[in-house]
PDB file of all heavy atoms in Angstrom:
ATOM      1  N   PRO A   1       9.377  60.009  -8.261  1.00  0.00           N
ATOM      2  CA  PRO A   1       8.446  59.354  -9.160  1.00  0.00           C
ATOM      3  C   PRO A   1       9.051  58.234 -10.000  1.00  0.00           C
ATOM      4  O   PRO A   1      10.209  58.321 -10.339  1.00  0.00           O
ATOM      5  CB  PRO A   1       7.937  60.542  -9.991  1.00  0.00           C
ATOM      6  CG  PRO A   1       8.992  61.538  -9.908  1.00  0.00           C
ATOM      7  CD  PRO A   1       9.550  61.433  -8.532  1.00  0.00           C
ATOM      8  N   VAL A   2       8.220  57.270 -10.346  1.00  0.00           N
ATOM      9  CA  VAL A   2       8.601  56.208 -11.298  1.00  0.00           C
ATOM     10  C   VAL A   2       8.789  56.783 -12.596  1.00  0.00           C
ATOM     11  O   VAL A   2       8.058  57.699 -13.061  1.00  0.00           O
ATOM     12  CB  VAL A   2       7.547  55.078 -11.312  1.00  0.00           C
ATOM     13  CG1 VAL A   2       7.828  54.060 -12.260  1.00  0.00           C
ATOM     14  CG2 VAL A   2       7.331  54.519  -9.842  1.00  0.00           C
ATOM     15  N   ILE A   3       9.812  56.324 -13.345  1.00  0.00           N
ATOM     16  CA  ILE A   3      10.145  56.875 -14.616  1.00  0.00           C
ATOM     17  C   ILE A   3      10.281  55.877 -15.697  1.00  0.00           C
ATOM     18  O   ILE A   3      10.522  54.611 -15.341  1.00  0.00           O
ATOM     19  CB  ILE A   3      11.457  57.757 -14.563  1.00  0.00           C
ATOM     20  CG1 ILE A   3      12.573  56.982 -13.958  1.00  0.00           C
ATOM     21  CG2 ILE A   3      11.221  59.074 -13.766  1.00  0.00           C
ATOM     22  CD1 ILE A   3      13.941  57.706 -13.862  1.00  0.00           C
ATOM     23  N   ASP A   4      10.209  56.246 -17.041  1.00  0.00           N
ATOM     24  CA  ASP A   4      10.440  55.329 -18.069  1.00  0.00           C
ATOM     25  C   ASP A   4      11.627  55.707 -18.986  1.00  0.00           C
ATOM     26  O   ASP A   4      11.719  55.276 -20.074  1.00  0.00           O
ATOM     27  CB  ASP A   4       9.154  55.141 -18.936  1.00  0.00           C
ATOM     28  CG  ASP A   4       8.684  56.437 -19.492  1.00  0.00           C
ATOM     29  OD1 ASP A   4       9.449  57.499 -19.347  1.00  0.00           O
ATOM     30  OD2 ASP A   4       7.574  56.467 -20.078  1.00  0.00           O
ATOM     31  N   ASP A   5      12.564  56.487 -18.410  1.00  0.00           N
ATOM     32  CA  ASP A   5      13.707  56.949 -19.141  1.00  0.00           C
ATOM     33  C   ASP A   5      14.900  57.114 -18.174  1.00  0.00           C
ATOM     34  O   ASP A   5      14.790  56.686 -16.987  1.00  0.00           O
ATOM     35  CB  ASP A   5      13.407  58.276 -19.896  1.00  0.00           C
ATOM     36  CG  ASP A   5      12.932  59.389 -18.971  1.00  0.00           C
ATOM     37  OD1 ASP A   5      13.269  59.321 -17.775  1.00  0.00           O
ATOM     38  OD2 ASP A   5      12.233  60.304 -19.420  1.00  0.00           O
ATOM     39  N   GLY A   6      15.955  57.662 -18.656  1.00  0.00           N
ATOM     40  CA  GLY A   6      17.183  57.790 -17.827  1.00  0.00           C
ATOM     41  C   GLY A   6      17.208  59.022 -16.992  1.00  0.00           C
ATOM     42  O   GLY A   6      18.332  59.352 -16.491  1.00  0.00           O
ATOM     43  N   ARG A   7      16.106  59.839 -16.909  1.00  0.00           N
ATOM     44  CA  ARG A   7      16.204  61.127 -16.189  1.00  0.00           C
ATOM     45  C   ARG A   7      16.702  61.007 -14.771  1.00  0.00           C
ATOM     46  O   ARG A   7      17.596  61.742 -14.380  1.00  0.00           O
ATOM     47  CB  ARG A   7      14.845  61.690 -16.202  1.00  0.00           C
ATOM     48  CG  ARG A   7      14.688  63.082 -15.478  1.00  0.00           C
ATOM     49  CD  ARG A   7      13.395  63.780 -15.831  1.00  0.00           C
ATOM     50  NE  ARG A   7      12.275  63.007 -15.377  1.00  0.00           N
ATOM     51  CZ  ARG A   7      11.641  63.205 -14.200  1.00  0.00           C
ATOM     52  NH1 ARG A   7      11.999  64.214 -13.434  1.00  0.00           N
ATOM     53  NH2 ARG A   7      10.536  62.551 -13.881  1.00  0.00           N
ATOM     54  N   GLY A   8      16.213  60.036 -14.034  1.00  0.00           N
ATOM     55  CA  GLY A   8      16.638  59.892 -12.639  1.00  0.00           C
ATOM     56  C   GLY A   8      18.138  59.566 -12.498  1.00  0.00           C
ATOM     57  O   GLY A   8      18.849  60.069 -11.610  1.00  0.00           O
ATOM     58  N   ILE A   9      18.590  58.693 -13.389  1.00  0.00           N
ATOM     59  CA  ILE A   9      19.994  58.302 -13.361  1.00  0.00           C
ATOM     60  C   ILE A   9      20.862  59.593 -13.629  1.00  0.00           C
ATOM     61  O   ILE A   9      21.883  59.852 -12.911  1.00  0.00           O
ATOM     62  CB  ILE A   9      20.294  57.235 -14.341  1.00  0.00           C
ATOM     63  CG1 ILE A   9      19.546  55.932 -13.943  1.00  0.00           C
ATOM     64  CG2 ILE A   9      21.802  56.942 -14.489  1.00  0.00           C
ATOM     65  CD1 ILE A   9      19.664  54.790 -15.004  1.00  0.00           C
ATOM     66  N   GLU A  10      20.486  60.381 -14.593  1.00  0.00           N
ATOM     67  CA  GLU A  10      21.249  61.616 -15.013  1.00  0.00           C
ATOM     68  C   GLU A  10      21.143  62.598 -13.850  1.00  0.00           C
ATOM     69  O   GLU A  10      22.125  63.303 -13.572  1.00  0.00           O
ATOM     70  CB  GLU A  10      20.783  62.096 -16.328  1.00  0.00           C
ATOM     71  CG  GLU A  10      21.162  61.232 -17.524  1.00  0.00           C
ATOM     72  CD  GLU A  10      22.659  61.014 -17.515  1.00  0.00           C
ATOM     73  OE1 GLU A  10      23.388  61.910 -17.369  1.00  0.00           O
ATOM     74  OE2 GLU A  10      23.027  59.795 -17.740  1.00  0.00           O
ATOM     75  N   GLN A  11      19.994  62.803 -13.280  1.00  0.00           N
ATOM     76  CA  GLN A  11      19.833  63.776 -12.158  1.00  0.00           C
ATOM     77  C   GLN A  11      20.799  63.398 -11.030  1.00  0.00           C
ATOM     78  O   GLN A  11      21.509  64.281 -10.511  1.00  0.00           O
ATOM     79  CB  GLN A  11      18.381  63.713 -11.700  1.00  0.00           C
ATOM     80  CG  GLN A  11      17.466  64.523 -12.534  1.00  0.00           C
ATOM     81  CD  GLN A  11      16.041  64.576 -11.964  1.00  0.00           C
ATOM     82  OE1 GLN A  11      15.685  63.755 -11.057  1.00  0.00           O
ATOM     83  NE2 GLN A  11      15.213  65.592 -12.352  1.00  0.00           N
ATOM     84  N   THR A  12      20.704  62.104 -10.613  1.00  0.00           N
ATOM     85  CA  THR A  12      21.549  61.699  -9.517  1.00  0.00           C
ATOM     86  C   THR A  12      23.040  61.850  -9.836  1.00  0.00           C
ATOM     87  O   THR A  12      23.784  62.304  -9.020  1.00  0.00           O
ATOM     88  CB  THR A  12      21.230  60.196  -9.163  1.00  0.00           C
ATOM     89  OG1 THR A  12      19.797  60.078  -8.981  1.00  0.00           O
ATOM     90  CG2 THR A  12      21.966  59.868  -7.900  1.00  0.00           C
ATOM     91  N   ARG A  13      23.399  61.452 -11.056  1.00  0.00           N
ATOM     92  CA  ARG A  13      24.836  61.609 -11.488  1.00  0.00           C
ATOM     93  C   ARG A  13      25.266  63.063 -11.436  1.00  0.00           C
ATOM     94  O   ARG A  13      26.341  63.376 -10.953  1.00  0.00           O
ATOM     95  CB  ARG A  13      24.947  61.027 -12.902  1.00  0.00           C
ATOM     96  CG  ARG A  13      26.344  61.108 -13.432  1.00  0.00           C
ATOM     97  CD  ARG A  13      26.386  60.688 -14.917  1.00  0.00           C
ATOM     98  NE  ARG A  13      26.430  59.208 -15.072  1.00  0.00           N
ATOM     99  CZ  ARG A  13      25.723  58.528 -15.910  1.00  0.00           C
ATOM    100  NH1 ARG A  13      24.831  59.138 -16.666  1.00  0.00           N
ATOM    101  NH2 ARG A  13      25.815  57.282 -16.009  1.00  0.00           N
ATOM    102  N   ARG A  14      24.445  64.000 -11.981  1.00  0.00           N
ATOM    103  CA  ARG A  14      24.797  65.387 -12.009  1.00  0.00           C
ATOM    104  C   ARG A  14      24.987  65.898 -10.572  1.00  0.00           C
ATOM    105  O   ARG A  14      25.951  66.698 -10.308  1.00  0.00           O
ATOM    106  CB  ARG A  14      23.765  66.269 -12.708  1.00  0.00           C
ATOM    107  CG  ARG A  14      23.786  66.156 -14.214  1.00  0.00           C
ATOM    108  CD  ARG A  14      22.984  67.379 -14.780  1.00  0.00           C
ATOM    109  NE  ARG A  14      21.649  67.472 -14.407  1.00  0.00           N
ATOM    110  CZ  ARG A  14      20.636  66.740 -14.937  1.00  0.00           C
ATOM    111  NH1 ARG A  14      20.848  65.898 -15.903  1.00  0.00           N
ATOM    112  NH2 ARG A  14      19.384  66.940 -14.471  1.00  0.00           N
ATOM    113  N   TYR A  15      24.081  65.583  -9.767  1.00  0.00           N
ATOM    114  CA  TYR A  15      24.170  66.066  -8.388  1.00  0.00           C
ATOM    115  C   TYR A  15      25.429  65.546  -7.643  1.00  0.00           C
ATOM    116  O   TYR A  15      26.154  66.272  -6.964  1.00  0.00           O
ATOM    117  CB  TYR A  15      22.934  65.604  -7.564  1.00  0.00           C
ATOM    118  CG  TYR A  15      22.868  66.207  -6.156  1.00  0.00           C
ATOM    119  CD1 TYR A  15      22.609  67.571  -5.936  1.00  0.00           C
ATOM    120  CD2 TYR A  15      23.148  65.428  -5.064  1.00  0.00           C
ATOM    121  CE1 TYR A  15      22.566  68.105  -4.671  1.00  0.00           C
ATOM    122  CE2 TYR A  15      23.173  65.997  -3.714  1.00  0.00           C
ATOM    123  CZ  TYR A  15      22.847  67.344  -3.586  1.00  0.00           C
ATOM    124  OH  TYR A  15      22.812  67.863  -2.339  1.00  0.00           O
ATOM    125  N   LEU A  16      25.687  64.275  -7.758  1.00  0.00           N
ATOM    126  CA  LEU A  16      26.849  63.641  -7.121  1.00  0.00           C
ATOM    127  C   LEU A  16      28.161  64.208  -7.658  1.00  0.00           C
ATOM    128  O   LEU A  16      29.121  64.523  -6.926  1.00  0.00           O
ATOM    129  CB  LEU A  16      26.897  62.143  -7.262  1.00  0.00           C
ATOM    130  CG  LEU A  16      25.689  61.324  -6.662  1.00  0.00           C
ATOM    131  CD1 LEU A  16      25.899  59.870  -6.815  1.00  0.00           C
ATOM    132  CD2 LEU A  16      25.521  61.686  -5.124  1.00  0.00           C
ATOM    133  N   ARG A  17      28.246  64.487  -8.967  1.00  0.00           N
ATOM    134  CA  ARG A  17      29.360  65.149  -9.532  1.00  0.00           C
ATOM    135  C   ARG A  17      29.590  66.500  -9.000  1.00  0.00           C
ATOM    136  O   ARG A  17      30.705  66.918  -8.740  1.00  0.00           O
ATOM    137  CB  ARG A  17      29.322  65.074 -11.034  1.00  0.00           C
ATOM    138  CG  ARG A  17      29.593  63.682 -11.647  1.00  0.00           C
ATOM    139  CD  ARG A  17      29.369  63.727 -13.124  1.00  0.00           C
ATOM    140  NE  ARG A  17      29.755  62.484 -13.773  1.00  0.00           N
ATOM    141  CZ  ARG A  17      29.430  62.147 -15.050  1.00  0.00           C
ATOM    142  NH1 ARG A  17      28.765  62.951 -15.804  1.00  0.00           N
ATOM    143  NH2 ARG A  17      29.848  60.975 -15.569  1.00  0.00           N
ATOM    144  N   TRP A  18      28.499  67.216  -8.881  1.00  0.00           N
ATOM    145  CA  TRP A  18      28.595  68.622  -8.351  1.00  0.00           C
ATOM    146  C   TRP A  18      29.001  68.580  -6.915  1.00  0.00           C
ATOM    147  O   TRP A  18      29.875  69.372  -6.562  1.00  0.00           O
ATOM    148  CB  TRP A  18      27.175  69.292  -8.471  1.00  0.00           C
ATOM    149  CG  TRP A  18      27.270  70.618  -7.835  1.00  0.00           C
ATOM    150  CD1 TRP A  18      27.781  71.795  -8.378  1.00  0.00           C
ATOM    151  CD2 TRP A  18      26.859  71.025  -6.475  1.00  0.00           C
ATOM    152  NE1 TRP A  18      27.750  72.858  -7.456  1.00  0.00           N
ATOM    153  CE2 TRP A  18      27.146  72.365  -6.395  1.00  0.00           C
ATOM    154  CE3 TRP A  18      26.177  70.311  -5.506  1.00  0.00           C
ATOM    155  CZ2 TRP A  18      26.905  73.039  -5.146  1.00  0.00           C
ATOM    156  CZ3 TRP A  18      25.954  70.948  -4.335  1.00  0.00           C
ATOM    157  CH2 TRP A  18      26.282  72.298  -4.125  1.00  0.00           C
ATOM    158  N   LEU A  19      28.478  67.682  -6.029  1.00  0.00           N
ATOM    159  CA  LEU A  19      28.899  67.586  -4.650  1.00  0.00           C
ATOM    160  C   LEU A  19      30.443  67.329  -4.665  1.00  0.00           C
ATOM    161  O   LEU A  19      31.138  68.013  -3.889  1.00  0.00           O
ATOM    162  CB  LEU A  19      28.230  66.418  -3.981  1.00  0.00           C
ATOM    163  CG  LEU A  19      26.779  66.569  -3.413  1.00  0.00           C
ATOM    164  CD1 LEU A  19      26.386  65.422  -2.692  1.00  0.00           C
ATOM    165  CD2 LEU A  19      26.681  67.830  -2.496  1.00  0.00           C
ATOM    166  N   ASP A  20      30.885  66.411  -5.436  1.00  0.00           N
ATOM    167  CA  ASP A  20      32.281  65.962  -5.437  1.00  0.00           C
ATOM    168  C   ASP A  20      33.143  67.215  -5.779  1.00  0.00           C
ATOM    169  O   ASP A  20      34.113  67.554  -5.148  1.00  0.00           O
ATOM    170  CB  ASP A  20      32.552  64.826  -6.354  1.00  0.00           C
ATOM    171  CG  ASP A  20      34.017  64.384  -6.376  1.00  0.00           C
ATOM    172  OD1 ASP A  20      34.512  64.061  -5.319  1.00  0.00           O
ATOM    173  OD2 ASP A  20      34.617  64.376  -7.523  1.00  0.00           O
ATOM    174  N   SER A  21      32.833  67.881  -6.924  1.00  0.00           N
ATOM    175  CA  SER A  21      33.711  68.985  -7.332  1.00  0.00           C
ATOM    176  C   SER A  21      33.609  70.208  -6.426  1.00  0.00           C
ATOM    177  O   SER A  21      34.604  70.811  -6.158  1.00  0.00           O
ATOM    178  CB  SER A  21      33.307  69.374  -8.798  1.00  0.00           C
ATOM    179  OG  SER A  21      31.966  69.889  -8.842  1.00  0.00           O
ATOM    180  N   SER A  22      32.415  70.526  -5.924  1.00  0.00           N
ATOM    181  CA  SER A  22      32.233  71.737  -5.150  1.00  0.00           C
ATOM    182  C   SER A  22      32.884  71.468  -3.718  1.00  0.00           C
ATOM    183  O   SER A  22      33.502  72.371  -3.172  1.00  0.00           O
ATOM    184  CB  SER A  22      30.757  72.055  -4.975  1.00  0.00           C
ATOM    185  OG  SER A  22      29.972  71.079  -4.267  1.00  0.00           O
ATOM    186  N   PHE A  23      32.750  70.279  -3.232  1.00  0.00           N
ATOM    187  CA  PHE A  23      33.321  70.006  -1.840  1.00  0.00           C
ATOM    188  C   PHE A  23      34.881  70.000  -1.975  1.00  0.00           C
ATOM    189  O   PHE A  23      35.624  70.403  -1.125  1.00  0.00           O
ATOM    190  CB  PHE A  23      32.835  68.710  -1.325  1.00  0.00           C
ATOM    191  CG  PHE A  23      31.395  68.669  -0.794  1.00  0.00           C
ATOM    192  CD1 PHE A  23      30.627  69.863  -0.849  1.00  0.00           C
ATOM    193  CD2 PHE A  23      30.870  67.593  -0.200  1.00  0.00           C
ATOM    194  CE1 PHE A  23      29.317  69.879  -0.397  1.00  0.00           C
ATOM    195  CE2 PHE A  23      29.541  67.571   0.301  1.00  0.00           C
ATOM    196  CZ  PHE A  23      28.782  68.732   0.213  1.00  0.00           C
ATOM    197  N   ASP A  24      35.360  69.416  -3.108  1.00  0.00           N
ATOM    198  CA  ASP A  24      36.753  69.448  -3.287  1.00  0.00           C
ATOM    199  C   ASP A  24      37.344  70.786  -3.453  1.00  0.00           C
ATOM    200  O   ASP A  24      38.367  71.127  -2.779  1.00  0.00           O
ATOM    201  CB  ASP A  24      37.118  68.599  -4.529  1.00  0.00           C
ATOM    202  CG  ASP A  24      38.659  68.435  -4.710  1.00  0.00           C
ATOM    203  OD1 ASP A  24      39.268  67.803  -3.871  1.00  0.00           O
ATOM    204  OD2 ASP A  24      39.126  68.971  -5.765  1.00  0.00           O
ATOM    205  N   ALA A  25      36.702  71.664  -4.202  1.00  0.00           N
ATOM    206  CA  ALA A  25      37.171  72.995  -4.339  1.00  0.00           C
ATOM    207  C   ALA A  25      37.109  73.807  -3.037  1.00  0.00           C
ATOM    208  O   ALA A  25      38.003  74.517  -2.688  1.00  0.00           O
ATOM    209  CB  ALA A  25      36.302  73.702  -5.423  1.00  0.00           C
ATOM    210  N   ALA A  26      35.977  73.575  -2.214  1.00  0.00           N
ATOM    211  CA  ALA A  26      35.918  74.241  -0.936  1.00  0.00           C
ATOM    212  C   ALA A  26      37.011  73.787   0.011  1.00  0.00           C
ATOM    213  O   ALA A  26      37.638  74.667   0.665  1.00  0.00           O
ATOM    214  CB  ALA A  26      34.531  73.921  -0.403  1.00  0.00           C
ATOM    215  N   ALA A  27      37.334  72.492  -0.020  1.00  0.00           N
ATOM    216  CA  ALA A  27      38.390  72.020   0.873  1.00  0.00           C
ATOM    217  C   ALA A  27      39.746  72.568   0.447  1.00  0.00           C
ATOM    218  O   ALA A  27      40.512  72.944   1.330  1.00  0.00           O
ATOM    219  CB  ALA A  27      38.461  70.533   0.837  1.00  0.00           C
TER     220      ALA A  27
END
């Protein structure tokens, strides 16, 4: 959805950071 705040930026940032940390730990 179209947004008028930073929610989408923060959601995407949280997800990418989680991918990075969880994949690194798994490796």
